[in-house]
Amino acid sequence: MTGGVRDGLAGRACELRLAGSGGQGLQLAARMLAEALMHDGRRVAQSQSYEPTSRGGLSRADLVVAAPGAEVDYPLATTVDAAVLLDQPAVEPTEPLLSSVAQVIFDPLRVSRAPAVGDVRAVPLTETARRLGNERAANLVGLGALVAVTGVCGMDRLRAAVAALSPPAYREVNLEALSAGAELGGAAPAPPQGG
């Protein structure tokens, strides 16, 4: 992809990855983000992969987002501009795809070795979700942080997509998790430039 991620992803083509372990709600989080992007007028291709283990196997969801007014020219991620990594098994398959300026958000509770590529930020995703009363909302904490860091879509659009696609019993905690993640993403220190 062209252009620097540091300048934000709004208004340009980009590739995004949400990755971790099965059962963390990554496919749903990606669907919510895709919905928000489409309501922003963007064209999106989503692909996903998960190991046969229903909980605990590697799981990832990729979004390829076209620039405004353009079409997606290839539906699979080849150079990831931004990623949320919820678990250690997600690092190895993601790291080779990261652009040199990718924004990477990882959960330090579950990722012991973060990628060595891109602008990498430790954000307490699981810890924040636990504080909100549901550890399974770490996916939405990560999604909020991703959008805050990258500006890939409007937070209002994302909130609407989360509200619409969340199971009713989890709607309130998912929206709280999204807001908490957005706050964390805005507060997460960027790595030092040039080093």
Protein backbone atom coordinates (compact mmCIF):
# COMPACT_ATOMS: atom_id res chain seq x y z
CA MET A 1 0.00 0.00 0.00
CA THR A 2 1.14 3.52 -0.65
CA GLY A 3 1.36 6.33 1.87
CA GLY A 4 2.29 6.17 5.51
CA VAL A 5 -0.01 4.64 8.07
CA ARG A 6 1.09 7.32 10.52
CA ASP A 7 -0.97 9.75 8.43
CA GLY A 8 -4.08 7.66 9.07
CA LEU A 9 -5.95 5.18 6.94
CA ALA A 10 -9.09 7.23 6.25
CA GLY A 11 -9.35 8.01 2.59
CA ARG A 12 -6.86 5.47 1.26
CA ALA A 13 -6.72 1.81 0.37
CA CYS A 14 -5.58 -0.37 3.25
CA GLU A 15 -5.42 -3.89 4.59
CA LEU A 16 -6.40 -4.77 8.16
CA ARG A 17 -6.02 -7.94 10.23
CA LEU A 18 -7.71 -9.04 13.45
CA ALA A 19 -6.03 -12.19 14.75
CA GLY A 20 -5.87 -14.39 17.81
CA SER A 21 -7.46 -17.65 18.92
CA GLY A 22 -10.80 -19.23 18.16
CA GLY A 23 -13.62 -18.08 20.41
CA GLN A 24 -12.35 -14.50 20.76
CA GLY A 25 -15.02 -13.04 18.46
CA LEU A 26 -12.63 -11.91 15.73
CA GLN A 27 -14.93 -12.82 12.84
CA LEU A 28 -17.77 -10.80 14.36
CA ALA A 29 -15.49 -7.83 15.09
CA ALA A 30 -14.28 -7.84 11.49
CA ARG A 31 -17.86 -7.98 10.23
CA MET A 32 -18.71 -4.96 12.41
CA LEU A 33 -15.76 -3.01 11.04
CA ALA A 34 -16.64 -3.98 7.46
CA GLU A 35 -20.20 -2.78 8.02
CA ALA A 36 -18.98 0.58 9.36
CA LEU A 37 -16.61 0.99 6.42
CA MET A 38 -19.36 0.19 3.91
CA HIS A 39 -21.61 2.79 5.55
CA ASP A 40 -18.73 5.23 5.07
CA GLY A 41 -18.99 4.45 1.34
CA ARG A 42 -15.94 2.18 1.16
CA ARG A 43 -15.76 -1.13 -0.69
CA VAL A 44 -14.48 -3.98 1.46
CA ALA A 45 -13.47 -7.60 0.92
CA GLN A 46 -13.32 -9.80 4.02
CA SER A 47 -11.51 -13.12 4.27
CA GLN A 48 -11.12 -15.31 7.28
CA SER A 49 -9.32 -18.37 8.45
CA TYR A 50 -9.64 -20.45 11.57
CA GLU A 51 -8.29 -23.78 12.64
CA PRO A 52 -10.75 -26.59 13.30
CA THR A 53 -10.45 -26.24 17.07
CA SER A 54 -13.58 -24.35 18.12
CA ARG A 55 -11.76 -22.53 20.90
CA GLY A 56 -8.01 -22.05 21.05
CA GLY A 57 -6.95 -22.62 17.43
CA LEU A 58 -5.54 -19.79 15.32
CA SER A 59 -8.23 -17.44 14.01
CA ARG A 60 -7.89 -14.40 11.81
CA ALA A 61 -10.07 -12.06 9.79
CA ASP A 62 -8.65 -9.76 7.12
CA LEU A 63 -10.27 -6.74 5.51
CA VAL A 64 -9.06 -5.29 2.22
CA VAL A 65 -10.48 -1.77 1.97
CA ALA A 66 -10.55 0.17 -1.29
CA ALA A 67 -9.87 3.88 -1.47
CA PRO A 68 -13.08 5.96 -1.64
CA GLY A 69 -14.69 5.58 -5.06
CA ALA A 70 -12.45 2.66 -6.02
CA GLU A 71 -12.95 -1.09 -6.17
CA VAL A 72 -11.06 -3.77 -4.26
CA ASP A 73 -8.55 -5.07 -6.80
CA TYR A 74 -7.53 -8.24 -4.91
CA PRO A 75 -9.62 -9.75 -2.10
CA LEU A 76 -6.81 -11.17 0.08
CA ALA A 77 -4.46 -9.27 2.37
CA THR A 78 -0.87 -9.17 1.10
CA THR A 79 0.58 -6.17 2.99
CA VAL A 80 -1.15 -5.47 6.31
CA ASP A 81 -1.34 -1.78 7.26
CA ALA A 82 -2.88 -2.28 10.71
CA ALA A 83 -3.46 -5.26 12.98
CA VAL A 84 -4.92 -6.24 16.33
CA LEU A 85 -3.25 -9.30 17.84
CA LEU A 86 -5.13 -10.88 20.73
CA ASP A 87 -2.97 -13.95 21.26
CA GLN A 88 0.58 -15.23 20.65
CA PRO A 89 -0.35 -17.73 17.88
CA ALA A 90 -1.40 -14.74 15.73
CA VAL A 91 2.05 -13.15 15.66
CA GLU A 92 4.00 -15.59 13.49
CA PRO A 93 1.61 -15.69 10.51
CA THR A 94 0.99 -11.92 10.69
CA GLU A 95 4.50 -10.53 11.08
CA PRO A 96 5.73 -11.30 7.52
CA LEU A 97 2.71 -9.46 6.06
CA LEU A 98 3.12 -6.24 8.07
CA SER A 99 4.16 -3.13 6.18
CA SER A 100 7.17 -1.33 7.65
CA VAL A 101 4.85 1.41 8.98
CA ALA A 102 1.96 -0.83 10.05
CA GLN A 103 0.08 0.09 13.20
CA VAL A 104 0.08 -2.99 15.44
CA ILE A 105 -1.94 -3.26 18.63
CA PHE A 106 -1.28 -6.29 20.80
CA ASP A 107 -2.52 -7.58 24.13
CA PRO A 108 0.51 -7.83 26.47
CA LEU A 109 -1.33 -10.33 28.67
CA ARG A 110 -1.55 -12.88 25.85
CA VAL A 111 1.29 -11.90 23.51
CA SER A 112 4.75 -12.53 24.96
CA ARG A 113 6.69 -11.66 21.79
CA ALA A 114 5.26 -8.80 19.77
CA PRO A 115 6.11 -8.30 16.09
CA ALA A 116 9.38 -6.51 15.37
CA VAL A 117 7.86 -4.71 12.39
CA GLY A 118 5.81 -1.51 12.33
CA ASP A 119 4.64 0.82 15.06
CA VAL A 120 3.83 -1.68 17.79
CA ARG A 121 1.72 -0.74 20.82
CA ALA A 122 0.92 -2.81 23.89
CA VAL A 123 -2.70 -2.13 24.88
CA PRO A 124 -4.34 -3.97 27.83
CA LEU A 125 -7.22 -5.45 25.82
CA THR A 126 -8.10 -8.46 27.97
CA GLU A 127 -7.49 -6.61 31.23
CA THR A 128 -9.84 -3.83 30.12
CA ALA A 129 -12.52 -6.30 29.04
CA ARG A 130 -12.28 -8.07 32.41
CA ARG A 131 -12.70 -4.74 34.18
CA LEU A 132 -15.90 -4.23 32.15
CA GLY A 133 -17.18 -7.62 33.30
CA ASN A 134 -16.69 -9.77 30.18
CA GLU A 135 -13.28 -10.99 29.05
CA ARG A 136 -14.78 -11.98 25.69
CA ALA A 137 -15.22 -8.27 24.88
CA ALA A 138 -11.45 -7.93 24.34
CA ASN A 139 -12.16 -8.09 20.59
CA LEU A 140 -14.24 -4.89 20.82
CA VAL A 141 -11.64 -3.18 23.02
CA GLY A 142 -9.12 -3.96 20.28
CA LEU A 143 -11.45 -2.76 17.56
CA GLY A 144 -11.98 0.57 19.33
CA ALA A 145 -8.22 0.99 19.78
CA LEU A 146 -7.59 0.14 16.12
CA VAL A 147 -10.01 2.76 14.85
CA ALA A 148 -8.69 5.37 17.31
CA VAL A 149 -5.09 4.76 16.21
CA THR A 150 -5.71 4.52 12.46
CA GLY A 151 -8.79 6.67 11.81
CA VAL A 152 -9.83 4.08 9.23
CA CYS A 153 -13.53 4.90 9.75
CA GLY A 154 -15.72 7.15 11.82
CA MET A 155 -16.26 6.01 15.41
CA ASP A 156 -19.98 6.91 15.15
CA ARG A 157 -20.35 4.53 12.18
CA LEU A 158 -18.53 1.81 14.09
CA ARG A 159 -20.69 2.31 17.19
CA ALA A 160 -23.80 1.94 15.02
CA ALA A 161 -22.46 -1.26 13.44
CA VAL A 162 -21.56 -2.72 16.85
CA ALA A 163 -25.02 -1.88 18.19
CA ALA A 164 -26.72 -3.42 15.16
CA LEU A 165 -24.66 -6.62 15.01
CA SER A 166 -24.18 -7.39 18.72
CA PRO A 167 -26.39 -10.04 20.28
CA PRO A 168 -28.89 -8.12 22.47
CA ALA A 169 -27.53 -9.60 25.71
CA TYR A 170 -24.04 -8.27 24.90
CA ARG A 171 -24.87 -4.97 23.20
CA GLU A 172 -24.21 -2.76 26.23
CA VAL A 173 -20.90 -4.36 27.22
CA ASN A 174 -19.75 -4.40 23.58
CA LEU A 175 -20.42 -0.67 23.24
CA GLU A 176 -18.63 -0.02 26.55
CA ALA A 177 -15.68 -2.12 25.35
CA LEU A 178 -15.55 -0.24 22.06
CA SER A 179 -15.48 3.11 23.89
CA ALA A 180 -12.83 1.89 26.33
CA GLY A 181 -10.70 0.70 23.42
CA ALA A 182 -11.05 4.03 21.65
CA GLU A 183 -9.82 5.77 24.80
CA LEU A 184 -6.91 3.36 25.12
CA GLY A 185 -6.00 3.76 21.45
CA GLY A 186 -5.93 7.52 21.83
CA ALA A 187 -3.77 7.21 24.94
CA ALA A 188 -1.45 4.42 23.77
CA PRO A 189 1.97 5.99 23.28
CA ALA A 190 3.35 5.80 19.79
CA PRO A 191 6.81 4.32 19.58
CA PRO A 192 9.67 6.81 19.25
CA GLN A 193 10.29 7.93 15.67
CA GLY A 194 13.46 6.73 14.05
CA GLY A 195 14.17 4.11 16.66
